[in-house]
N, C-alpha and C. Protein backbone atom coordinates (compact mmCIF):
# COMPACT_ATOMS: atom_id res chain seq x y z
N MET A 1 91.72 114.98 109.52
CA MET A 1 91.13 115.92 110.75
C MET A 1 92.45 116.68 111.35
N ALA A 2 92.32 117.89 111.53
CA ALA A 2 93.32 118.64 112.24
C ALA A 2 93.69 118.14 113.43
N ASP A 3 95.01 118.03 113.79
CA ASP A 3 95.57 117.55 115.14
C ASP A 3 95.83 119.09 116.01
N LEU A 4 94.99 119.77 116.42
CA LEU A 4 95.05 121.04 117.04
C LEU A 4 95.41 120.77 118.50
N ASP A 5 95.30 119.84 119.04
CA ASP A 5 95.44 119.48 120.26
C ASP A 5 97.23 119.36 120.58
N SER A 6 97.72 118.71 119.60
CA SER A 6 99.22 118.88 119.61
C SER A 6 99.80 120.33 119.52
N ILE A 7 99.18 121.03 118.56
CA ILE A 7 99.54 122.35 118.61
C ILE A 7 99.47 123.01 119.88
N LYS A 8 98.28 123.01 120.45
CA LYS A 8 98.09 123.50 121.89
C LYS A 8 99.14 123.12 122.91
N GLU A 9 99.42 121.79 122.91
CA GLU A 9 100.37 121.48 123.94
C GLU A 9 101.87 121.90 123.70
N THR A 10 102.19 121.85 122.27
CA THR A 10 103.35 122.36 121.93
C THR A 10 103.62 123.72 122.34
N LEU A 11 102.56 124.71 122.01
CA LEU A 11 102.41 126.05 122.31
C LEU A 11 102.79 126.21 123.83
N LYS A 12 102.05 125.54 124.70
CA LYS A 12 102.14 125.47 126.16
C LYS A 12 103.49 125.30 126.52
N LYS A 13 104.30 124.46 125.95
CA LYS A 13 105.65 123.99 126.29
C LYS A 13 106.55 125.00 125.76
N GLY A 14 106.08 126.04 124.77
CA GLY A 14 107.04 127.16 124.27
C GLY A 14 107.91 126.66 123.32
N ASP A 15 107.85 125.43 122.70
CA ASP A 15 108.71 124.86 121.81
C ASP A 15 108.61 125.54 120.39
N ILE A 16 109.32 126.49 120.07
CA ILE A 16 109.14 127.36 118.90
C ILE A 16 109.24 126.42 117.46
N GLU A 17 110.31 125.72 117.44
CA GLU A 17 110.57 125.09 116.30
C GLU A 17 109.59 123.77 116.01
N LYS A 18 109.21 123.28 117.04
CA LYS A 18 108.30 122.03 116.83
C LYS A 18 106.88 122.64 116.44
N LEU A 19 106.56 123.67 117.19
CA LEU A 19 105.30 124.52 116.81
C LEU A 19 105.14 124.93 115.37
N LYS A 20 106.20 125.36 114.93
CA LYS A 20 106.06 126.00 113.42
C LYS A 20 106.12 124.75 112.52
N GLU A 21 106.66 123.68 113.08
CA GLU A 21 106.77 122.60 112.15
C GLU A 21 105.22 122.01 112.22
N LEU A 22 104.58 121.90 113.21
CA LEU A 22 103.11 121.49 113.38
C LEU A 22 102.30 122.27 112.67
N VAL A 23 102.47 123.65 112.58
CA VAL A 23 101.42 124.45 112.08
C VAL A 23 101.62 124.42 110.33
N GLN A 24 102.98 124.28 110.00
CA GLN A 24 103.26 123.99 108.58
C GLN A 24 102.66 122.72 108.13
N GLY A 25 102.72 121.73 109.02
CA GLY A 25 102.12 120.42 108.64
C GLY A 25 100.74 120.41 108.42
N GLU A 26 100.12 121.22 109.32
CA GLU A 26 98.40 121.29 109.21
C GLU A 26 98.09 122.00 107.95
N LEU A 27 98.91 123.02 107.40
CA LEU A 27 98.69 123.71 106.20
C LEU A 27 98.91 122.84 105.09
N ASP A 28 99.91 121.99 105.11
CA ASP A 28 100.29 121.20 104.10
C ASP A 28 99.16 120.01 103.93
N GLN A 29 98.45 119.78 104.82
CA GLN A 29 97.37 118.90 104.88
C GLN A 29 95.97 119.46 104.59
N GLY A 30 95.89 120.63 104.20
CA GLY A 30 94.66 121.49 103.78
C GLY A 30 93.95 122.03 104.77
N VAL A 31 94.45 122.09 106.21
CA VAL A 31 93.63 122.71 107.26
C VAL A 31 93.69 124.19 106.97
N VAL A 32 92.60 124.94 107.09
CA VAL A 32 92.57 126.33 106.80
C VAL A 32 93.22 127.21 107.81
N ALA A 33 93.89 128.38 107.61
CA ALA A 33 94.97 129.08 108.62
C ALA A 33 94.05 129.62 109.81
N SER A 34 92.79 130.10 109.32
CA SER A 34 91.89 130.45 110.59
C SER A 34 91.39 129.51 111.73
N GLU A 35 91.49 128.17 111.15
CA GLU A 35 91.19 127.25 112.06
C GLU A 35 92.18 126.77 113.06
N ILE A 36 93.39 126.89 112.33
CA ILE A 36 94.80 126.73 112.94
C ILE A 36 94.90 127.85 114.03
N LEU A 37 94.52 129.13 113.64
CA LEU A 37 94.75 130.35 114.48
C LEU A 37 93.90 130.31 115.82
N ASN A 38 92.72 130.01 115.48
CA ASN A 38 91.72 130.20 116.35
C ASN A 38 91.49 129.06 117.34
N ASP A 39 91.35 127.89 116.66
CA ASP A 39 91.14 126.73 117.62
C ASP A 39 92.22 125.99 118.06
N GLY A 40 93.56 126.29 117.33
CA GLY A 40 94.65 125.82 118.04
C GLY A 40 95.53 126.90 118.81
N LEU A 41 96.07 127.95 118.03
CA LEU A 41 96.80 128.90 118.86
C LEU A 41 96.28 129.74 119.95
N VAL A 42 95.09 130.34 119.36
CA VAL A 42 94.49 131.26 120.28
C VAL A 42 93.94 130.68 121.45
N SER A 43 93.36 129.44 121.29
CA SER A 43 92.64 128.51 122.21
C SER A 43 93.71 128.07 123.28
N GLY A 44 94.89 127.52 122.65
CA GLY A 44 96.09 127.35 123.47
C GLY A 44 96.57 128.44 124.35
N MET A 45 96.63 129.82 123.95
CA MET A 45 96.95 130.91 124.80
C MET A 45 95.98 131.25 125.78
N ASP A 46 94.76 130.89 125.47
CA ASP A 46 93.63 131.20 126.49
C ASP A 46 93.88 130.12 127.74
N GLU A 47 94.33 128.82 127.36
CA GLU A 47 94.75 127.95 128.49
C GLU A 47 95.97 128.36 129.24
N VAL A 48 96.92 129.03 128.42
CA VAL A 48 98.10 129.49 129.05
C VAL A 48 97.72 130.66 130.20
N GLY A 49 96.84 131.52 129.71
CA GLY A 49 96.38 132.57 130.61
C GLY A 49 95.74 132.04 131.80
N GLU A 50 94.89 131.00 131.84
CA GLU A 50 94.12 130.27 132.90
C GLU A 50 95.20 129.76 133.73
N MET A 51 96.40 128.99 133.06
CA MET A 51 97.32 128.39 133.81
C MET A 51 98.15 129.33 134.74
N MET A 52 98.59 130.63 134.10
CA MET A 52 99.28 131.48 134.87
C MET A 52 98.26 131.95 136.06
N GLU A 53 97.09 132.21 135.66
CA GLU A 53 96.09 132.79 136.76
C GLU A 53 95.92 131.72 137.87
N SER A 54 96.17 130.53 137.68
CA SER A 54 95.98 129.48 138.90
C SER A 54 97.29 129.30 139.25
N GLY A 55 98.36 129.88 138.83
CA GLY A 55 99.75 129.54 139.52
C GLY A 55 100.37 128.19 138.88
N GLU A 56 99.89 127.68 137.84
CA GLU A 56 100.42 126.57 137.21
C GLU A 56 101.54 126.72 136.22
N MET A 57 101.51 128.18 135.81
CA MET A 57 102.67 128.56 134.79
C MET A 57 102.95 130.15 135.32
N PHE A 58 104.41 130.17 135.16
CA PHE A 58 105.03 131.45 135.74
C PHE A 58 105.43 132.32 134.50
N ILE A 59 105.84 133.40 134.88
CA ILE A 59 106.14 134.50 133.63
C ILE A 59 107.01 134.08 132.80
N PRO A 60 108.32 133.45 132.93
CA PRO A 60 109.27 133.10 131.96
C PRO A 60 108.57 131.94 131.06
N GLU A 61 107.75 131.11 131.61
CA GLU A 61 107.22 130.05 130.82
C GLU A 61 105.99 130.85 129.82
N VAL A 62 105.32 131.62 130.37
CA VAL A 62 104.21 132.45 129.53
C VAL A 62 104.98 133.16 128.56
N LEU A 63 106.24 133.77 128.65
CA LEU A 63 106.82 134.46 127.81
C LEU A 63 107.29 133.48 126.72
N ARG A 64 107.70 132.41 127.09
CA ARG A 64 107.99 131.44 125.93
C ARG A 64 107.04 131.04 125.00
N SER A 65 105.88 130.65 125.69
CA SER A 65 104.62 130.43 124.97
C SER A 65 104.34 131.58 124.00
N ALA A 66 104.24 132.76 124.49
CA ALA A 66 103.76 133.88 123.67
C ALA A 66 104.89 134.23 122.65
N LYS A 67 106.16 133.88 122.82
CA LYS A 67 107.17 133.91 121.67
C LYS A 67 106.80 132.85 120.48
N ALA A 68 106.54 131.73 121.00
CA ALA A 68 106.27 130.76 120.12
C ALA A 68 105.01 131.02 119.43
N MET A 69 104.07 131.49 119.95
CA MET A 69 102.91 131.82 119.20
C MET A 69 103.10 132.79 118.20
N GLY A 70 103.97 134.00 118.62
CA GLY A 70 104.22 134.98 117.65
C GLY A 70 104.92 134.20 116.37
N ALA A 71 105.73 133.40 116.52
CA ALA A 71 106.44 132.82 115.33
C ALA A 71 105.55 131.89 114.50
N ALA A 72 104.53 131.41 115.14
CA ALA A 72 103.55 130.42 114.48
C ALA A 72 102.52 131.46 113.59
N VAL A 73 102.27 132.44 114.31
CA VAL A 73 101.37 133.36 113.55
C VAL A 73 102.10 134.02 112.18
N GLU A 74 103.24 134.36 112.32
CA GLU A 74 104.06 134.85 111.09
C GLU A 74 103.93 133.86 109.97
N ILE A 75 103.77 132.46 110.20
CA ILE A 75 103.70 131.60 109.07
C ILE A 75 102.13 131.74 108.55
N LEU A 76 101.13 131.81 109.36
CA LEU A 76 99.69 132.03 109.14
C LEU A 76 99.45 133.30 108.39
N LYS A 77 99.97 134.35 108.93
CA LYS A 77 99.60 135.70 108.38
C LYS A 77 99.31 136.04 106.85
N PRO A 78 100.27 135.62 105.92
CA PRO A 78 99.88 135.68 104.56
C PRO A 78 98.60 134.90 104.09
N LEU A 79 98.05 134.05 104.87
CA LEU A 79 96.92 133.28 104.36
C LEU A 79 95.68 133.82 105.32
N LEU A 80 95.79 134.81 106.29
CA LEU A 80 94.70 135.34 106.86
C LEU A 80 94.24 136.67 106.45
N GLY A 81 92.92 136.89 106.33
CA GLY A 81 92.52 138.18 106.01
C GLY A 81 92.72 139.06 107.40
N GLU A 82 92.86 140.37 107.06
CA GLU A 82 93.05 141.34 108.11
C GLU A 82 91.84 141.30 109.41
N ASP A 83 90.74 140.95 108.91
CA ASP A 83 89.68 140.82 109.88
C ASP A 83 89.70 139.57 110.89
N GLU A 84 90.47 138.57 110.24
CA GLU A 84 90.75 137.12 110.96
C GLU A 84 91.79 137.44 112.13
N ILE A 85 92.77 138.35 111.58
CA ILE A 85 93.92 138.41 112.56
C ILE A 85 93.57 139.27 113.89
N SER A 86 92.65 140.22 113.84
CA SER A 86 92.29 140.85 114.94
C SER A 86 90.87 140.52 115.19
N ALA A 87 90.47 139.32 115.06
CA ALA A 87 89.21 138.89 115.36
C ALA A 87 88.47 139.22 116.87
N SER A 88 89.47 139.21 117.93
CA SER A 88 89.12 139.43 119.20
C SER A 88 88.83 140.76 119.61
N GLY A 89 89.48 141.56 118.79
CA GLY A 89 88.87 143.21 119.09
C GLY A 89 90.32 144.00 119.07
N LYS A 90 89.98 145.35 119.32
CA LYS A 90 91.15 146.15 119.24
C LYS A 90 91.21 146.97 120.67
N ILE A 91 92.43 146.92 121.23
CA ILE A 91 92.90 147.41 122.50
C ILE A 91 94.03 148.61 122.34
N VAL A 92 93.77 149.65 123.12
CA VAL A 92 94.63 150.69 123.45
C VAL A 92 95.30 150.50 124.80
N ILE A 93 96.53 150.41 125.01
CA ILE A 93 96.95 150.20 126.44
C ILE A 93 98.17 150.98 126.63
N GLY A 94 98.52 151.57 127.90
CA GLY A 94 99.57 152.32 128.24
C GLY A 94 99.67 152.29 129.88
N THR A 95 100.91 152.78 130.23
CA THR A 95 101.00 153.14 131.69
C THR A 95 100.92 154.39 131.81
N VAL A 96 100.02 154.96 132.64
CA VAL A 96 99.60 156.37 133.00
C VAL A 96 100.59 157.43 133.15
N LYS A 97 100.40 158.49 133.09
CA LYS A 97 101.61 159.76 133.16
C LYS A 97 101.95 159.76 134.64
N GLY A 98 103.35 159.87 134.57
CA GLY A 98 103.98 159.76 135.99
C GLY A 98 104.61 158.48 136.27
N ASP A 99 104.28 157.52 135.58
CA ASP A 99 104.58 155.90 135.99
C ASP A 99 105.57 155.45 134.75
N LEU A 100 106.81 154.90 134.98
CA LEU A 100 107.62 154.43 133.97
C LEU A 100 107.68 153.03 133.89
N HIS A 101 107.03 152.32 134.73
CA HIS A 101 106.77 150.80 134.73
C HIS A 101 106.20 150.19 133.66
N ASP A 102 106.97 149.04 132.99
CA ASP A 102 106.19 148.57 131.70
C ASP A 102 106.39 146.97 131.80
N ILE A 103 106.93 146.35 132.73
CA ILE A 103 107.07 145.04 132.50
C ILE A 103 105.71 144.30 132.52
N GLY A 104 105.06 144.53 133.63
CA GLY A 104 103.65 144.03 133.49
C GLY A 104 102.82 144.30 132.31
N LYS A 105 102.82 145.71 131.93
CA LYS A 105 102.01 146.08 130.80
C LYS A 105 102.57 145.42 129.42
N ASN A 106 103.84 145.08 129.37
CA ASN A 106 104.53 144.46 128.18
C ASN A 106 103.98 142.95 128.34
N LEU A 107 103.88 142.24 129.38
CA LEU A 107 103.37 141.01 129.28
C LEU A 107 102.08 140.95 128.96
N VAL A 108 101.17 141.84 129.49
CA VAL A 108 99.73 141.79 128.98
C VAL A 108 99.55 142.17 127.51
N ASN A 109 100.45 143.09 127.05
CA ASN A 109 100.57 143.15 125.53
C ASN A 109 100.82 142.00 124.82
N MET A 110 101.72 141.27 125.21
CA MET A 110 102.15 140.09 124.47
C MET A 110 101.06 138.98 124.52
N MET A 111 100.26 138.88 125.65
CA MET A 111 99.18 137.95 125.83
C MET A 111 97.89 138.33 125.15
N LEU A 112 97.71 139.55 125.03
CA LEU A 112 96.71 140.07 124.27
C LEU A 112 96.73 139.75 122.90
N LYS A 113 97.92 140.10 122.28
CA LYS A 113 98.33 139.75 121.04
C LYS A 113 98.23 138.28 120.52
N SER A 114 98.62 137.61 121.54
CA SER A 114 98.59 135.94 121.27
C SER A 114 97.32 135.52 121.25
N SER A 115 96.28 136.22 121.87
CA SER A 115 94.87 135.75 122.24
C SER A 115 94.00 136.37 120.99
N GLY A 116 94.82 136.93 120.00
CA GLY A 116 93.88 137.51 118.96
C GLY A 116 93.56 138.99 118.82
N PHE A 117 93.97 139.67 119.88
CA PHE A 117 93.62 141.04 119.91
C PHE A 117 94.51 141.87 119.01
N GLU A 118 94.10 143.06 118.54
CA GLU A 118 94.96 143.83 117.89
C GLU A 118 95.32 145.01 118.92
N VAL A 119 96.51 145.03 119.23
CA VAL A 119 97.04 146.08 120.41
C VAL A 119 97.67 147.24 119.97
N PHE A 120 97.44 148.39 120.54
CA PHE A 120 98.08 149.43 120.36
C PHE A 120 98.73 149.99 121.73
N ASP A 121 100.04 149.82 121.75
CA ASP A 121 100.70 150.00 123.10
C ASP A 121 101.34 151.43 123.16
N LEU A 122 100.84 152.31 123.87
CA LEU A 122 101.18 153.73 123.90
C LEU A 122 102.58 154.05 124.69
N GLY A 123 103.09 152.76 125.53
CA GLY A 123 104.20 153.04 126.20
C GLY A 123 103.90 153.34 127.69
N VAL A 124 104.97 154.22 128.25
CA VAL A 124 104.76 154.63 129.72
C VAL A 124 104.66 156.14 129.63
N ASP A 125 104.26 156.69 130.95
CA ASP A 125 104.16 158.02 131.12
C ASP A 125 103.23 158.77 129.97
N VAL A 126 102.11 157.89 129.92
CA VAL A 126 100.98 158.35 128.85
C VAL A 126 99.89 159.38 129.51
N SER A 127 99.89 160.54 129.15
CA SER A 127 98.85 161.59 129.56
C SER A 127 97.44 161.16 129.15
N PRO A 128 96.70 161.82 129.89
CA PRO A 128 95.18 161.65 129.59
C PRO A 128 94.75 161.94 128.11
N GLU A 129 95.44 163.17 127.66
CA GLU A 129 95.31 163.63 126.36
C GLU A 129 95.83 162.65 125.23
N GLN A 130 96.89 161.95 125.61
CA GLN A 130 97.38 161.05 124.61
C GLN A 130 96.47 159.86 124.56
N PHE A 131 95.89 159.30 125.55
CA PHE A 131 94.98 158.15 125.58
C PHE A 131 93.72 158.72 124.80
N VAL A 132 93.28 159.70 124.99
CA VAL A 132 92.07 160.31 124.25
C VAL A 132 92.34 160.46 122.86
N ALA A 133 93.59 160.88 122.21
CA ALA A 133 93.92 161.08 121.01
C ALA A 133 93.88 159.73 120.39
N ALA A 134 94.65 158.66 121.06
CA ALA A 134 94.60 157.31 120.54
C ALA A 134 93.26 156.53 120.47
N ILE A 135 92.43 156.89 121.29
CA ILE A 135 91.03 156.47 121.26
C ILE A 135 90.33 156.84 120.08
N LYS A 136 90.53 158.35 119.75
CA LYS A 136 89.95 158.95 118.55
C LYS A 136 90.59 158.25 117.22
N GLU A 137 91.81 158.05 117.20
CA GLU A 137 92.50 157.66 116.02
C GLU A 137 92.15 155.96 115.83
N LYS A 138 92.31 155.23 116.78
CA LYS A 138 92.33 153.91 116.71
C LYS A 138 90.86 153.24 116.79
N ASP A 139 89.97 153.94 117.44
CA ASP A 139 88.52 153.39 117.59
C ASP A 139 88.69 152.03 118.11
N PRO A 140 89.22 151.83 119.51
CA PRO A 140 89.42 150.63 120.02
C PRO A 140 88.03 150.18 120.94
N ASP A 141 88.08 148.89 121.00
CA ASP A 141 86.93 148.31 121.75
C ASP A 141 87.17 148.36 123.32
N VAL A 142 88.40 148.35 123.84
CA VAL A 142 88.74 148.32 125.05
C VAL A 142 90.24 149.25 125.23
N VAL A 143 90.41 150.00 126.29
CA VAL A 143 91.38 150.84 126.55
C VAL A 143 91.76 150.31 128.03
N GLY A 144 93.19 150.09 128.21
CA GLY A 144 93.82 149.50 129.36
C GLY A 144 94.73 150.46 129.95
N PHE A 145 94.48 150.79 131.16
CA PHE A 145 95.33 151.67 131.99
C PHE A 145 96.35 150.86 133.20
N SER A 146 97.59 151.16 133.07
CA SER A 146 98.54 150.29 134.09
C SER A 146 99.18 151.55 134.92
N ALA A 147 99.24 151.05 136.30
CA ALA A 147 99.95 151.91 137.21
C ALA A 147 100.69 151.15 138.33
N LEU A 148 101.92 151.23 138.68
CA LEU A 148 102.53 150.51 139.63
C LEU A 148 102.99 151.06 140.62
N LEU A 149 102.59 152.53 140.80
CA LEU A 149 102.93 153.26 141.83
C LEU A 149 101.60 153.80 142.71
N THR A 150 101.57 153.88 144.00
CA THR A 150 100.19 154.58 144.71
C THR A 150 100.22 155.81 144.27
N THR A 151 101.21 156.58 144.04
CA THR A 151 101.13 158.06 143.71
C THR A 151 100.52 158.33 142.09
N THR A 152 100.62 157.25 141.34
CA THR A 152 100.01 157.42 139.97
C THR A 152 98.61 156.88 139.95
N MET A 153 98.12 156.19 141.00
CA MET A 153 96.71 155.75 140.77
C MET A 153 95.93 156.99 140.71
N GLU A 154 96.22 157.99 141.23
CA GLU A 154 95.23 159.29 140.84
C GLU A 154 95.08 159.79 139.53
N MET A 155 96.25 159.33 138.80
CA MET A 155 96.21 159.66 137.30
C MET A 155 95.40 158.79 136.59
N MET A 156 95.01 157.45 136.91
CA MET A 156 94.13 156.80 136.36
C MET A 156 92.64 157.34 136.46
N GLN A 157 92.41 157.82 137.57
CA GLN A 157 90.98 158.67 137.69
C GLN A 157 91.05 159.81 136.79
N LYS A 158 92.19 160.73 136.41
CA LYS A 158 92.16 161.63 135.72
C LYS A 158 91.93 161.25 134.26
N THR A 159 92.54 160.07 134.01
CA THR A 159 92.46 159.74 132.61
C THR A 159 90.94 159.07 132.26
N VAL A 160 90.39 158.35 133.33
CA VAL A 160 88.91 158.01 133.03
C VAL A 160 88.24 159.17 132.74
N ASP A 161 88.48 160.15 133.54
CA ASP A 161 87.52 161.41 133.47
C ASP A 161 87.80 162.17 132.12
N ALA A 162 89.07 162.19 131.64
CA ALA A 162 89.26 162.71 130.20
C ALA A 162 88.55 161.89 129.14
N VAL A 163 88.55 160.58 129.35
CA VAL A 163 87.90 159.68 128.41
C VAL A 163 86.23 160.20 128.43
N VAL A 164 85.75 160.27 129.54
CA VAL A 164 84.25 160.45 129.68
C VAL A 164 84.09 161.84 129.16
N GLU A 165 84.97 162.91 129.35
CA GLU A 165 84.85 164.24 128.84
C GLU A 165 84.87 164.32 127.33
N SER A 166 85.73 163.27 126.64
CA SER A 166 85.90 163.34 125.28
C SER A 166 84.55 162.88 124.58
N GLY A 167 83.74 162.28 125.34
CA GLY A 167 82.51 161.75 124.58
C GLY A 167 82.58 160.48 124.17
N HIS A 168 83.76 159.81 124.36
CA HIS A 168 83.93 158.37 123.65
C HIS A 168 83.70 157.20 124.61
N ARG A 169 83.46 157.38 125.93
CA ARG A 169 83.16 156.49 127.07
C ARG A 169 82.28 155.51 126.80
N ASP A 170 81.09 155.88 126.05
CA ASP A 170 80.00 154.70 126.01
C ASP A 170 80.36 153.74 124.93
N ARG A 171 81.11 153.95 124.07
CA ARG A 171 81.55 152.89 123.07
C ARG A 171 82.79 152.09 123.14
N LEU A 172 83.44 152.29 124.51
CA LEU A 172 84.44 151.27 124.88
C LEU A 172 84.48 150.81 126.27
N LYS A 173 85.27 149.91 126.62
CA LYS A 173 85.50 149.34 127.95
C LYS A 173 86.73 149.78 128.50
N ILE A 174 86.82 150.08 129.61
CA ILE A 174 87.82 150.53 130.29
C ILE A 174 88.52 149.46 131.38
N ILE A 175 89.69 148.90 131.27
CA ILE A 175 90.30 148.13 132.26
C ILE A 175 91.47 148.67 132.97
N ILE A 176 91.84 148.20 134.13
CA ILE A 176 92.99 148.77 134.83
C ILE A 176 93.66 147.82 135.45
N GLY A 177 95.14 147.92 135.61
CA GLY A 177 95.75 146.78 136.57
C GLY A 177 96.89 147.63 137.03
N GLY A 178 97.71 146.74 137.85
CA GLY A 178 99.11 147.02 138.42
C GLY A 178 99.23 146.84 139.70
N ALA A 179 100.14 146.63 140.51
CA ALA A 179 100.27 146.20 141.97
C ALA A 179 99.36 146.83 142.84
N PRO A 180 99.48 148.08 142.87
CA PRO A 180 98.48 148.83 144.06
C PRO A 180 96.91 148.83 143.78
N VAL A 181 96.57 148.58 142.69
CA VAL A 181 95.10 148.56 142.05
C VAL A 181 94.37 147.33 142.51
N THR A 182 93.12 147.59 142.81
CA THR A 182 92.22 146.77 143.39
C THR A 182 90.81 146.89 142.70
N GLN A 183 89.93 145.88 142.68
CA GLN A 183 88.51 145.96 141.91
C GLN A 183 87.79 147.06 142.65
N LYS A 184 87.86 147.48 144.00
CA LYS A 184 87.31 148.37 144.76
C LYS A 184 87.72 149.86 144.08
N PHE A 185 88.93 149.89 143.69
CA PHE A 185 89.48 151.24 143.17
C PHE A 185 88.91 151.19 141.79
N ALA A 186 88.86 150.23 141.11
CA ALA A 186 88.34 150.23 139.72
C ALA A 186 86.98 150.81 139.74
N ASP A 187 86.11 150.25 140.62
CA ASP A 187 84.69 150.45 140.79
C ASP A 187 84.73 152.17 141.11
N GLU A 188 85.63 152.52 142.12
CA GLU A 188 85.46 154.00 142.51
C GLU A 188 85.90 154.98 141.32
N ILE A 189 86.70 154.70 140.31
CA ILE A 189 87.01 155.46 139.30
C ILE A 189 85.95 155.34 137.97
N GLY A 190 85.22 154.39 137.99
CA GLY A 190 84.40 154.23 136.99
C GLY A 190 84.89 153.44 135.78
N ALA A 191 85.95 152.48 136.09
CA ALA A 191 86.35 151.46 135.19
C ALA A 191 85.43 150.35 135.26
N ASP A 192 85.66 149.70 134.08
CA ASP A 192 84.70 148.42 133.83
C ASP A 192 85.18 147.24 134.41
N GLY A 193 86.52 147.24 134.82
CA GLY A 193 87.06 145.97 135.35
C GLY A 193 88.71 146.11 135.85
N TYR A 194 88.98 145.16 136.60
CA TYR A 194 90.49 145.22 137.05
C TYR A 194 91.04 143.92 136.90
N ALA A 195 92.34 143.70 136.57
CA ALA A 195 92.87 142.43 136.31
C ALA A 195 94.10 142.36 137.27
N PRO A 196 94.46 141.41 138.08
CA PRO A 196 95.58 141.24 139.03
C PRO A 196 96.94 140.70 138.28
N ASP A 197 96.61 140.19 137.09
CA ASP A 197 97.65 139.60 136.28
C ASP A 197 97.44 139.37 134.73
N ALA A 198 98.30 139.16 133.90
CA ALA A 198 98.21 139.08 132.48
C ALA A 198 96.99 138.10 132.18
N GLY A 199 97.11 136.89 132.85
CA GLY A 199 95.99 135.74 132.47
C GLY A 199 94.72 136.25 132.71
N SER A 200 94.45 136.97 134.03
CA SER A 200 93.12 137.59 134.16
C SER A 200 92.68 138.71 133.23
N ALA A 201 93.68 139.42 132.79
CA ALA A 201 93.57 140.71 131.86
C ALA A 201 92.90 140.11 130.53
N ILE A 202 93.45 138.98 130.00
CA ILE A 202 92.94 138.28 128.82
C ILE A 202 91.50 138.03 129.07
N LYS A 203 91.19 137.23 130.04
CA LYS A 203 89.84 136.66 130.37
C LYS A 203 88.81 137.96 130.46
N LEU A 204 89.28 138.84 131.22
CA LEU A 204 88.52 140.18 131.51
C LEU A 204 88.19 140.92 130.18
N ALA A 205 89.03 141.03 129.40
CA ALA A 205 88.92 141.72 128.02
C ALA A 205 87.95 140.93 127.12
N LYS A 206 88.08 139.50 127.14
CA LYS A 206 87.14 138.69 126.25
C LYS A 206 85.66 138.66 126.98
N SER A 207 85.80 138.74 128.28
CA SER A 207 84.39 138.67 128.75
C SER A 207 83.45 139.94 128.79
N LEU A 208 84.32 141.00 128.60
CA LEU A 208 83.64 142.42 128.47
C LEU A 208 83.09 142.64 127.11
N LEU A 209 83.76 141.86 126.04
CA LEU A 209 83.37 141.98 124.54
C LEU A 209 82.52 140.93 124.13
N ALA A 210 82.43 140.08 125.20
CA ALA A 210 81.44 138.66 124.64
C ALA A 210 80.09 139.24 124.31
């Protein structure tokens, strides 16, 4: 029987070498890669997200766990089908035009990848037109807009409007985040949800696609 609890606990501690050893050990015992990924690693990162949200874990610890997750997934990748790697869904994410902040977005990016999402990060200073082009090209389930300045919150509205005008709004969910952003603002601009931190963002994305 697979010892996935040890994998989860080691992931939460961010111990890269021990995690790789445990993952390889499970493979050597005949446990299928998708079970290790979904019931061990992804499940463990879900717990990391919840612990971050509740204040039990902080950004440096979360980053260590995400890094450990990435190393473990590299071992599993050759044994996984493409559909298994991106089982949670596809997300396009970026910081809106006029805003160059990316630390929060990058953390969300890492957490999403660790939770089984296929992530297309457009970077910072992303125009509404660039978001729409990426939506047309990547066909995501979710698109995420980040803004760290009150002056660039208006650009979130313009970006939502551009998605609506493109005709693609009905087939995806829009989530927003950033220091000045609130759920009230998300409702005002027509977004599907708001997340105050990376842990909440993962939970929100999964709940919207459930």
